[in-house]
């Protein structure tokens, strides 16, 4: 059984060799929920420069939303 862990030595890693030859890959993150936004931020922090986030709805945040009712702000609950 092979390990899925990175060896830390990227000299023998075919993906790393390909990135060095071709430059930075284009990355698309599907969904602007908390996980998608966190993934995009992590990619940018790791040095990726061409990151696009796609979202189907008209707002970001996924199922996390706030609703303003006059001076009261409440969170909208979403049950799975």
Protein backbone atom coordinates (compact mmCIF):
# COMPACT_ATOMS: atom_id res chain seq x y z
CA UNK A 1 0.00 0.00 0.00
CA UNK A 2 1.38 3.41 -0.92
CA UNK A 3 1.24 6.45 1.28
CA UNK A 4 -0.57 9.56 0.06
CA UNK A 5 1.70 11.82 2.10
CA UNK A 6 4.12 14.22 0.48
CA UNK A 7 7.73 13.23 1.03
CA UNK A 8 8.80 16.83 1.51
CA UNK A 9 11.36 16.43 -1.30
CA UNK A 10 9.60 17.82 -4.35
CA UNK A 11 12.54 17.10 -6.68
CA UNK A 12 11.09 13.67 -7.48
CA UNK A 13 7.47 14.83 -7.51
CA UNK A 14 6.12 14.84 -11.10
CA UNK A 15 3.55 17.52 -10.26
CA UNK A 16 6.24 19.87 -8.95
CA UNK A 17 8.42 19.24 -11.99
CA UNK A 18 5.46 20.06 -14.26
CA UNK A 19 4.71 23.27 -12.36
CA UNK A 20 8.30 24.44 -12.74
CA UNK A 21 8.16 23.87 -16.50
CA UNK A 22 4.75 25.40 -17.16
CA UNK A 23 4.41 28.05 -14.47
CA UNK A 24 1.51 28.44 -12.07
CA UNK A 25 -1.65 26.44 -12.77
CA UNK A 26 -5.08 28.03 -13.02
CA UNK A 27 -7.20 26.95 -10.03
CA UNK A 28 -11.01 27.09 -9.86
CA UNK A 29 -12.74 26.76 -6.48
CA UNK A 30 -16.39 25.71 -6.82
CA UNK A 31 -18.57 27.44 -4.23
CA UNK A 32 -18.11 30.60 -2.18
CA UNK A 33 -19.22 29.07 1.11
CA UNK A 34 -16.94 29.00 4.13
CA UNK A 35 -14.95 26.02 2.82
CA UNK A 36 -14.56 27.47 -0.68
CA UNK A 37 -13.44 30.87 0.59
CA UNK A 38 -11.01 29.24 3.03
CA UNK A 39 -9.60 27.07 0.23
CA UNK A 40 -9.11 30.09 -2.04
CA UNK A 41 -7.38 32.02 0.73
CA UNK A 42 -5.10 29.09 1.55
CA UNK A 43 -4.14 28.76 -2.12
CA UNK A 44 -3.33 32.47 -2.34
CA UNK A 45 -1.27 32.28 0.86
CA UNK A 46 0.68 29.37 -0.64
CA UNK A 47 1.64 31.51 -3.62
CA UNK A 48 -0.93 30.56 -6.24
CA UNK A 49 -1.75 33.65 -8.28
CA UNK A 50 -4.51 32.53 -10.66
CA UNK A 51 -7.38 31.47 -8.35
CA UNK A 52 -11.03 31.90 -9.37
CA UNK A 53 -14.00 31.28 -7.05
CA UNK A 54 -17.32 30.39 -8.72
CA UNK A 55 -20.64 30.78 -6.89
CA UNK A 56 -24.09 29.92 -8.26
CA UNK A 57 -26.11 32.12 -5.90
CA UNK A 58 -26.22 35.91 -5.66
CA UNK A 59 -24.34 36.00 -2.34
CA UNK A 60 -21.21 34.52 -0.80
CA UNK A 61 -21.06 32.57 2.45
CA UNK A 62 -22.97 29.46 1.44
CA UNK A 63 -25.51 28.49 4.06
CA UNK A 64 -24.24 31.06 6.56
CA UNK A 65 -26.39 34.19 6.27
CA UNK A 66 -27.57 37.08 8.39
CA UNK A 67 -30.97 38.69 7.97
CA UNK A 68 -31.69 42.26 9.11
CA UNK A 69 -35.18 42.79 10.52
CA UNK A 70 -35.25 46.48 11.45
CA UNK A 71 -32.64 46.96 14.16
CA UNK A 72 -32.50 43.22 14.88
CA UNK A 73 -29.97 41.04 13.05
CA UNK A 74 -30.53 37.30 13.18
CA UNK A 75 -28.87 34.35 11.51
CA UNK A 76 -30.89 32.32 9.05
CA UNK A 77 -30.95 28.64 10.04
CA UNK A 78 -30.58 26.01 7.37
CA UNK A 79 -31.36 22.41 8.22
CA UNK A 80 -29.88 19.54 6.25
